[in-house]
All heavy atoms as atom14 arrays in JSON, in Angstrom:
{
  "sequence": "GRLLDESHTDEIIEHMLSISTGDERIKAGLPTGTPF",
  "atom14_mask": [
    [1, 1, 1, 1, 0, 0, 0, 0, 0, 0, 0, 0, 0, 0],
    [1, 1, 1, 1, 1, 1, 1, 1, 1, 1, 1, 0, 0, 0],
    [1, 1, 1, 1, 1, 1, 1, 1, 0, 0, 0, 0, 0, 0],
    [1, 1, 1, 1, 1, 1, 1, 1, 0, 0, 0, 0, 0, 0],
    [1, 1, 1, 1, 1, 1, 1, 1, 0, 0, 0, 0, 0, 0],
    [1, 1, 1, 1, 1, 1, 1, 1, 1, 0, 0, 0, 0, 0],
    [1, 1, 1, 1, 1, 1, 0, 0, 0, 0, 0, 0, 0, 0],
    [1, 1, 1, 1, 1, 1, 1, 1, 1, 1, 0, 0, 0, 0],
    [1, 1, 1, 1, 1, 1, 1, 0, 0, 0, 0, 0, 0, 0],
    [1, 1, 1, 1, 1, 1, 1, 1, 0, 0, 0, 0, 0, 0],
    [1, 1, 1, 1, 1, 1, 1, 1, 1, 0, 0, 0, 0, 0],
    [1, 1, 1, 1, 1, 1, 1, 1, 0, 0, 0, 0, 0, 0],
    [1, 1, 1, 1, 1, 1, 1, 1, 0, 0, 0, 0, 0, 0],
    [1, 1, 1, 1, 1, 1, 1, 1, 1, 0, 0, 0, 0, 0],
    [1, 1, 1, 1, 1, 1, 1, 1, 1, 1, 0, 0, 0, 0],
    [1, 1, 1, 1, 1, 1, 1, 1, 0, 0, 0, 0, 0, 0],
    [1, 1, 1, 1, 1, 1, 1, 1, 0, 0, 0, 0, 0, 0],
    [1, 1, 1, 1, 1, 1, 0, 0, 0, 0, 0, 0, 0, 0],
    [1, 1, 1, 1, 1, 1, 1, 1, 0, 0, 0, 0, 0, 0],
    [1, 1, 1, 1, 1, 1, 0, 0, 0, 0, 0, 0, 0, 0],
    [1, 1, 1, 1, 1, 1, 1, 0, 0, 0, 0, 0, 0, 0],
    [1, 1, 1, 1, 0, 0, 0, 0, 0, 0, 0, 0, 0, 0],
    [1, 1, 1, 1, 1, 1, 1, 1, 0, 0, 0, 0, 0, 0],
    [1, 1, 1, 1, 1, 1, 1, 1, 1, 0, 0, 0, 0, 0],
    [1, 1, 1, 1, 1, 1, 1, 1, 1, 1, 1, 0, 0, 0],
    [1, 1, 1, 1, 1, 1, 1, 1, 0, 0, 0, 0, 0, 0],
    [1, 1, 1, 1, 1, 1, 1, 1, 1, 0, 0, 0, 0, 0],
    [1, 1, 1, 1, 1, 0, 0, 0, 0, 0, 0, 0, 0, 0],
    [1, 1, 1, 1, 0, 0, 0, 0, 0, 0, 0, 0, 0, 0],
    [1, 1, 1, 1, 1, 1, 1, 1, 0, 0, 0, 0, 0, 0],
    [1, 1, 1, 1, 1, 1, 1, 0, 0, 0, 0, 0, 0, 0],
    [1, 1, 1, 1, 1, 1, 1, 0, 0, 0, 0, 0, 0, 0],
    [1, 1, 1, 1, 0, 0, 0, 0, 0, 0, 0, 0, 0, 0],
    [1, 1, 1, 1, 1, 1, 1, 0, 0, 0, 0, 0, 0, 0],
    [1, 1, 1, 1, 1, 1, 1, 0, 0, 0, 0, 0, 0, 0],
    [1, 1, 1, 1, 1, 1, 1, 1, 1, 1, 1, 0, 0, 0]
  ],
  "atom14_positions": [
    [[66.4, 91.96, 78.21], [66.68, 93.01, 77.26], [66.5, 94.41, 77.75], [66.32, 95.35, 76.97], [0.0, 0.0, 0.0], [0.0, 0.0, 0.0], [0.0, 0.0, 0.0], [0.0, 0.0, 0.0], [0.0, 0.0, 0.0], [0.0, 0.0, 0.0], [0.0, 0.0, 0.0], [0.0, 0.0, 0.0], [0.0, 0.0, 0.0], [0.0, 0.0, 0.0]],
    [[66.6, 94.63, 79.06], [66.4, 95.93, 79.64], [67.68, 96.71, 79.85], [67.64, 97.86, 80.3], [65.65, 95.79, 80.97], [64.23, 95.21, 80.82], [63.55, 95.07, 82.16], [62.21, 94.54, 82.0], [61.42, 94.2, 83.01], [61.84, 94.38, 84.27], [60.22, 93.68, 82.8], [0.0, 0.0, 0.0], [0.0, 0.0, 0.0], [0.0, 0.0, 0.0]],
    [[68.82, 96.1, 79.55], [70.11, 96.79, 79.71], [70.71, 97.17, 78.36], [71.3, 98.24, 78.23], [71.09, 95.9, 80.48], [70.77, 95.58, 81.94], [71.91, 94.73, 82.52], [70.59, 96.84, 82.74], [0.0, 0.0, 0.0], [0.0, 0.0, 0.0], [0.0, 0.0, 0.0], [0.0, 0.0, 0.0], [0.0, 0.0, 0.0], [0.0, 0.0, 0.0]],
    [[70.57, 96.28, 77.38], [71.19, 96.47, 76.08], [70.18, 96.2, 74.96], [69.14, 95.59, 75.22], [72.39, 95.53, 75.93], [73.48, 95.6, 76.99], [74.43, 94.42, 76.88], [74.26, 96.92, 76.88], [0.0, 0.0, 0.0], [0.0, 0.0, 0.0], [0.0, 0.0, 0.0], [0.0, 0.0, 0.0], [0.0, 0.0, 0.0], [0.0, 0.0, 0.0]],
    [[70.51, 96.62, 73.74], [69.65, 96.28, 72.64], [69.79, 94.8, 72.33], [70.63, 94.09, 72.9], [69.95, 97.14, 71.41], [71.37, 96.96, 70.87], [71.96, 95.85, 71.04], [71.92, 97.94, 70.36], [0.0, 0.0, 0.0], [0.0, 0.0, 0.0], [0.0, 0.0, 0.0], [0.0, 0.0, 0.0], [0.0, 0.0, 0.0], [0.0, 0.0, 0.0]],
    [[68.97, 94.29, 71.42], [68.89, 92.83, 71.18], [70.23, 92.24, 70.76], [70.65, 91.17, 71.26], [67.84, 92.52, 70.13], [67.63, 91.05, 69.9], [66.5, 90.77, 68.92], [65.8, 91.73, 68.53], [66.29, 89.59, 68.54], [0.0, 0.0, 0.0], [0.0, 0.0, 0.0], [0.0, 0.0, 0.0], [0.0, 0.0, 0.0], [0.0, 0.0, 0.0]],
    [[70.91, 92.88, 69.81], [72.14, 92.31, 69.31], [73.24, 92.27, 70.37], [73.98, 91.29, 70.48], [72.63, 93.13, 68.09], [72.97, 94.44, 68.45], [0.0, 0.0, 0.0], [0.0, 0.0, 0.0], [0.0, 0.0, 0.0], [0.0, 0.0, 0.0], [0.0, 0.0, 0.0], [0.0, 0.0, 0.0], [0.0, 0.0, 0.0], [0.0, 0.0, 0.0]],
    [[73.33, 93.33, 71.2], [74.37, 93.35, 72.23], [74.0, 92.44, 73.4], [74.88, 91.88, 74.06], [74.6, 94.77, 72.71], [75.32, 95.62, 71.69], [74.67, 96.46, 70.84], [76.64, 95.72, 71.39], [75.53, 97.05, 70.05], [76.76, 96.61, 70.36], [0.0, 0.0, 0.0], [0.0, 0.0, 0.0], [0.0, 0.0, 0.0], [0.0, 0.0, 0.0]],
    [[72.7, 92.31, 73.69], [72.27, 91.33, 74.7], [72.68, 89.91, 74.28], [73.24, 89.15, 75.05], [70.76, 91.37, 74.92], [70.4, 92.67, 75.41], [70.31, 90.31, 75.9], [0.0, 0.0, 0.0], [0.0, 0.0, 0.0], [0.0, 0.0, 0.0], [0.0, 0.0, 0.0], [0.0, 0.0, 0.0], [0.0, 0.0, 0.0], [0.0, 0.0, 0.0]],
    [[72.43, 89.61, 73.01], [72.82, 88.29, 72.48], [74.32, 88.1, 72.52], [74.81, 86.99, 72.84], [72.31, 88.14, 71.04], [72.51, 86.73, 70.52], [71.82, 85.81, 70.99], [73.38, 86.55, 69.65], [0.0, 0.0, 0.0], [0.0, 0.0, 0.0], [0.0, 0.0, 0.0], [0.0, 0.0, 0.0], [0.0, 0.0, 0.0], [0.0, 0.0, 0.0]],
    [[75.06, 89.14, 72.24], [76.52, 89.08, 72.21], [77.07, 88.74, 73.62], [77.95, 87.88, 73.76], [77.12, 90.36, 71.7], [78.64, 90.34, 71.58], [79.19, 91.62, 70.95], [78.38, 92.37, 70.37], [80.41, 91.83, 71.04], [0.0, 0.0, 0.0], [0.0, 0.0, 0.0], [0.0, 0.0, 0.0], [0.0, 0.0, 0.0], [0.0, 0.0, 0.0]],
    [[76.57, 89.43, 74.62], [77.12, 89.19, 75.95], [76.67, 87.86, 76.51], [77.42, 87.16, 77.21], [76.75, 90.35, 76.92], [77.65, 90.32, 78.15], [75.29, 90.3, 77.33], [77.56, 91.54, 79.02], [0.0, 0.0, 0.0], [0.0, 0.0, 0.0], [0.0, 0.0, 0.0], [0.0, 0.0, 0.0], [0.0, 0.0, 0.0], [0.0, 0.0, 0.0]],
    [[75.44, 87.42, 76.17], [75.01, 86.08, 76.61], [75.85, 85.02, 75.93], [76.24, 84.03, 76.59], [73.5, 85.89, 76.29], [72.66, 86.73, 77.26], [73.11, 84.4, 76.42], [71.17, 86.69, 76.99], [0.0, 0.0, 0.0], [0.0, 0.0, 0.0], [0.0, 0.0, 0.0], [0.0, 0.0, 0.0], [0.0, 0.0, 0.0], [0.0, 0.0, 0.0]],
    [[76.16, 85.17, 74.67], [77.02, 84.22, 73.97], [78.37, 84.15, 74.63], [78.94, 83.08, 74.81], [77.16, 84.62, 72.5], [77.96, 83.65, 71.66], [77.3, 82.29, 71.58], [76.07, 82.21, 71.64], [78.07, 81.29, 71.47], [0.0, 0.0, 0.0], [0.0, 0.0, 0.0], [0.0, 0.0, 0.0], [0.0, 0.0, 0.0], [0.0, 0.0, 0.0]],
    [[78.92, 85.29, 75.02], [80.2, 85.32, 75.71], [80.12, 84.59, 77.05], [80.98, 83.79, 77.41], [80.65, 86.77, 75.95], [81.87, 86.92, 76.79], [83.12, 86.48, 76.39], [82.04, 87.39, 78.04], [84.0, 86.71, 77.33], [83.37, 87.28, 78.35], [0.0, 0.0, 0.0], [0.0, 0.0, 0.0], [0.0, 0.0, 0.0], [0.0, 0.0, 0.0]],
    [[79.05, 84.83, 77.81], [78.88, 84.2, 79.12], [78.67, 82.69, 78.97], [79.11, 81.93, 79.83], [77.69, 84.85, 79.84], [77.93, 86.28, 80.28], [76.45, 87.08, 80.94], [76.22, 86.16, 82.46], [0.0, 0.0, 0.0], [0.0, 0.0, 0.0], [0.0, 0.0, 0.0], [0.0, 0.0, 0.0], [0.0, 0.0, 0.0], [0.0, 0.0, 0.0]],
    [[78.05, 82.26, 77.89], [77.89, 80.82, 77.66], [79.22, 80.12, 77.4], [79.38, 78.94, 77.66], [76.95, 80.57, 76.48], [75.47, 80.81, 76.75], [74.7, 80.86, 75.43], [74.9, 79.75, 77.66], [0.0, 0.0, 0.0], [0.0, 0.0, 0.0], [0.0, 0.0, 0.0], [0.0, 0.0, 0.0], [0.0, 0.0, 0.0], [0.0, 0.0, 0.0]],
    [[80.18, 80.89, 76.88], [81.47, 80.3, 76.52], [82.51, 80.38, 77.64], [83.61, 79.84, 77.51], [82.04, 81.0, 75.27], [82.4, 82.34, 75.56], [0.0, 0.0, 0.0], [0.0, 0.0, 0.0], [0.0, 0.0, 0.0], [0.0, 0.0, 0.0], [0.0, 0.0, 0.0], [0.0, 0.0, 0.0], [0.0, 0.0, 0.0], [0.0, 0.0, 0.0]],
    [[82.17, 81.05, 78.74], [83.14, 81.22, 79.85], [83.47, 79.84, 80.45], [82.6, 79.06, 80.77], [82.56, 82.15, 80.93], [82.6, 83.58, 80.4], [83.34, 82.04, 82.22], [81.97, 84.59, 81.34], [0.0, 0.0, 0.0], [0.0, 0.0, 0.0], [0.0, 0.0, 0.0], [0.0, 0.0, 0.0], [0.0, 0.0, 0.0], [0.0, 0.0, 0.0]],
    [[84.75, 79.56, 80.55], [85.21, 78.24, 81.03], [85.69, 78.27, 82.48], [85.96, 77.21, 83.06], [86.32, 77.71, 80.15], [87.43, 78.6, 80.13], [0.0, 0.0, 0.0], [0.0, 0.0, 0.0], [0.0, 0.0, 0.0], [0.0, 0.0, 0.0], [0.0, 0.0, 0.0], [0.0, 0.0, 0.0], [0.0, 0.0, 0.0], [0.0, 0.0, 0.0]],
    [[85.81, 79.45, 83.09], [86.32, 79.51, 84.47], [85.35, 78.87, 85.46], [85.75, 78.59, 86.61], [86.6, 80.97, 84.89], [85.39, 81.75, 84.68], [87.73, 81.58, 84.09], [0.0, 0.0, 0.0], [0.0, 0.0, 0.0], [0.0, 0.0, 0.0], [0.0, 0.0, 0.0], [0.0, 0.0, 0.0], [0.0, 0.0, 0.0], [0.0, 0.0, 0.0]],
    [[84.11, 78.64, 85.02], [83.13, 78.01, 85.92], [82.89, 76.55, 85.62], [81.92, 75.97, 86.13], [0.0, 0.0, 0.0], [0.0, 0.0, 0.0], [0.0, 0.0, 0.0], [0.0, 0.0, 0.0], [0.0, 0.0, 0.0], [0.0, 0.0, 0.0], [0.0, 0.0, 0.0], [0.0, 0.0, 0.0], [0.0, 0.0, 0.0], [0.0, 0.0, 0.0]],
    [[83.75, 75.95, 84.79], [83.55, 74.57, 84.43], [83.51, 73.6, 85.62], [82.88, 72.54, 85.59], [84.6, 74.09, 83.44], [84.4, 74.63, 82.03], [83.34, 75.23, 81.8], [85.27, 74.44, 81.18], [0.0, 0.0, 0.0], [0.0, 0.0, 0.0], [0.0, 0.0, 0.0], [0.0, 0.0, 0.0], [0.0, 0.0, 0.0], [0.0, 0.0, 0.0]],
    [[84.21, 73.97, 86.69], [84.24, 73.13, 87.89], [83.34, 73.66, 89.02], [83.46, 73.22, 90.13], [85.7, 73.03, 88.41], [86.68, 72.45, 87.41], [86.28, 71.07, 86.93], [85.81, 70.27, 87.78], [86.44, 70.79, 85.73], [0.0, 0.0, 0.0], [0.0, 0.0, 0.0], [0.0, 0.0, 0.0], [0.0, 0.0, 0.0], [0.0, 0.0, 0.0]],
    [[82.48, 74.59, 88.68], [81.59, 75.15, 89.68], [80.15, 74.68, 89.44], [79.92, 73.47, 89.32], [81.74, 76.68, 89.69], [83.17, 77.1, 90.06], [83.38, 78.53, 90.34], [84.78, 78.79, 90.7], [85.25, 79.96, 91.13], [84.44, 80.99, 91.29], [86.54, 80.08, 91.41], [0.0, 0.0, 0.0], [0.0, 0.0, 0.0], [0.0, 0.0, 0.0]],
    [[79.18, 75.55, 89.41], [77.79, 75.14, 89.25], [77.62, 74.29, 88.01], [76.88, 73.26, 88.03], [76.88, 76.38, 89.21], [76.84, 77.06, 90.59], [75.45, 75.99, 88.79], [76.09, 78.37, 90.62], [0.0, 0.0, 0.0], [0.0, 0.0, 0.0], [0.0, 0.0, 0.0], [0.0, 0.0, 0.0], [0.0, 0.0, 0.0], [0.0, 0.0, 0.0]],
    [[78.23, 74.67, 86.92], [78.09, 73.93, 85.66], [78.47, 72.46, 85.79], [77.87, 71.6, 85.14], [78.96, 74.58, 84.6], [78.79, 74.03, 83.21], [79.63, 74.8, 82.2], [79.47, 74.24, 80.81], [80.3, 75.03, 79.82], [0.0, 0.0, 0.0], [0.0, 0.0, 0.0], [0.0, 0.0, 0.0], [0.0, 0.0, 0.0], [0.0, 0.0, 0.0]],
    [[79.44, 72.17, 86.68], [79.88, 70.79, 86.84], [78.8, 69.9, 87.41], [78.83, 68.68, 87.21], [81.12, 70.75, 87.76], [0.0, 0.0, 0.0], [0.0, 0.0, 0.0], [0.0, 0.0, 0.0], [0.0, 0.0, 0.0], [0.0, 0.0, 0.0], [0.0, 0.0, 0.0], [0.0, 0.0, 0.0], [0.0, 0.0, 0.0], [0.0, 0.0, 0.0]],
    [[77.83, 70.47, 88.15], [76.76, 69.65, 88.74], [75.5, 69.59, 87.89], [74.61, 68.83, 88.18], [0.0, 0.0, 0.0], [0.0, 0.0, 0.0], [0.0, 0.0, 0.0], [0.0, 0.0, 0.0], [0.0, 0.0, 0.0], [0.0, 0.0, 0.0], [0.0, 0.0, 0.0], [0.0, 0.0, 0.0], [0.0, 0.0, 0.0], [0.0, 0.0, 0.0]],
    [[75.44, 70.44, 86.87], [74.26, 70.46, 86.01], [74.26, 69.28, 85.02], [75.32, 68.78, 84.65], [74.2, 71.78, 85.21], [74.05, 73.07, 86.0], [74.25, 74.27, 85.08], [72.67, 73.14, 86.65], [0.0, 0.0, 0.0], [0.0, 0.0, 0.0], [0.0, 0.0, 0.0], [0.0, 0.0, 0.0], [0.0, 0.0, 0.0], [0.0, 0.0, 0.0]],
    [[73.07, 68.86, 84.57], [73.01, 67.83, 83.55], [73.82, 68.29, 82.31], [73.78, 69.46, 81.95], [71.54, 67.72, 83.23], [70.86, 68.17, 84.5], [71.73, 69.25, 85.05], [0.0, 0.0, 0.0], [0.0, 0.0, 0.0], [0.0, 0.0, 0.0], [0.0, 0.0, 0.0], [0.0, 0.0, 0.0], [0.0, 0.0, 0.0], [0.0, 0.0, 0.0]],
    [[74.55, 67.38, 81.68], [75.37, 67.71, 80.51], [74.53, 68.41, 79.45], [73.45, 67.99, 79.11], [75.99, 66.44, 79.93], [76.78, 65.8, 80.96], [76.9, 66.79, 78.75], [0.0, 0.0, 0.0], [0.0, 0.0, 0.0], [0.0, 0.0, 0.0], [0.0, 0.0, 0.0], [0.0, 0.0, 0.0], [0.0, 0.0, 0.0], [0.0, 0.0, 0.0]],
    [[75.1, 69.51, 78.94], [74.43, 70.24, 77.87], [73.48, 71.33, 78.32], [72.93, 72.02, 77.46], [0.0, 0.0, 0.0], [0.0, 0.0, 0.0], [0.0, 0.0, 0.0], [0.0, 0.0, 0.0], [0.0, 0.0, 0.0], [0.0, 0.0, 0.0], [0.0, 0.0, 0.0], [0.0, 0.0, 0.0], [0.0, 0.0, 0.0], [0.0, 0.0, 0.0]],
    [[73.3, 71.51, 79.62], [72.41, 72.56, 80.1], [73.01, 73.93, 79.8], [74.12, 74.22, 80.26], [72.18, 72.44, 81.61], [71.65, 71.15, 81.93], [71.24, 73.53, 82.09], [0.0, 0.0, 0.0], [0.0, 0.0, 0.0], [0.0, 0.0, 0.0], [0.0, 0.0, 0.0], [0.0, 0.0, 0.0], [0.0, 0.0, 0.0], [0.0, 0.0, 0.0]],
    [[72.33, 74.79, 79.07], [72.87, 76.13, 78.77], [72.96, 76.94, 80.08], [71.95, 77.09, 80.79], [71.85, 76.75, 77.83], [71.07, 75.59, 77.29], [71.03, 74.58, 78.37], [0.0, 0.0, 0.0], [0.0, 0.0, 0.0], [0.0, 0.0, 0.0], [0.0, 0.0, 0.0], [0.0, 0.0, 0.0], [0.0, 0.0, 0.0], [0.0, 0.0, 0.0]],
    [[74.13, 77.46, 80.39], [74.32, 78.25, 81.59], [75.23, 79.42, 81.24], [76.45, 79.27, 81.12], [74.92, 77.41, 82.72], [75.04, 78.12, 84.03], [74.0, 78.87, 84.55], [76.22, 78.02, 84.78], [74.11, 79.52, 85.79], [76.34, 78.65, 86.0], [75.29, 79.41, 86.49], [0.0, 0.0, 0.0], [0.0, 0.0, 0.0], [0.0, 0.0, 0.0]]
  ]
}
Protein backbone atom coordinates (compact mmCIF):
# COMPACT_ATOMS: atom_id res chain seq x y z
CA GLY A 1 0.00 0.00 0.00
CA ARG A 2 2.90 2.38 -0.47
CA LEU A 3 2.04 3.38 -4.04
CA LEU A 4 -1.74 3.82 -4.00
CA ASP A 5 -4.54 4.23 -1.49
CA GLU A 6 -6.36 1.10 -0.30
CA SER A 7 -9.17 1.11 -2.84
CA HIS A 8 -6.88 1.65 -5.84
CA THR A 9 -4.37 -0.91 -4.55
CA ASP A 10 -7.20 -3.42 -4.37
CA GLU A 11 -8.39 -2.44 -7.84
CA ILE A 12 -5.04 -3.00 -9.52
CA ILE A 13 -4.43 -6.27 -7.66
CA GLU A 14 -7.86 -7.49 -8.77
CA HIS A 15 -6.94 -6.60 -12.35
CA MET A 16 -3.60 -8.42 -12.07
CA LEU A 17 -5.34 -11.50 -10.66
CA SER A 18 -7.57 -11.62 -13.74
CA ILE A 19 -4.77 -11.30 -16.32
CA SER A 20 -4.85 -14.33 -18.62
CA THR A 21 -1.72 -13.69 -20.73
CA GLY A 22 0.26 -15.60 -18.10
CA ASP A 23 -1.93 -18.69 -17.98
CA GLU A 24 0.82 -20.71 -19.69
CA ARG A 25 3.68 -19.20 -17.71
CA ILE A 26 4.39 -19.31 -13.95
CA LYS A 27 0.71 -19.79 -13.15
CA ALA A 28 0.67 -23.01 -15.18
CA GLY A 29 3.12 -24.62 -12.76
CA LEU A 30 1.47 -23.43 -9.54
CA PRO A 31 -0.99 -25.60 -7.61
CA THR A 32 -4.52 -25.01 -8.95
CA GLY A 33 -6.23 -22.07 -7.29
CA THR A 34 -3.08 -20.33 -6.06
CA PRO A 35 -3.74 -16.55 -6.14
CA PHE A 36 -1.12 -14.94 -8.40
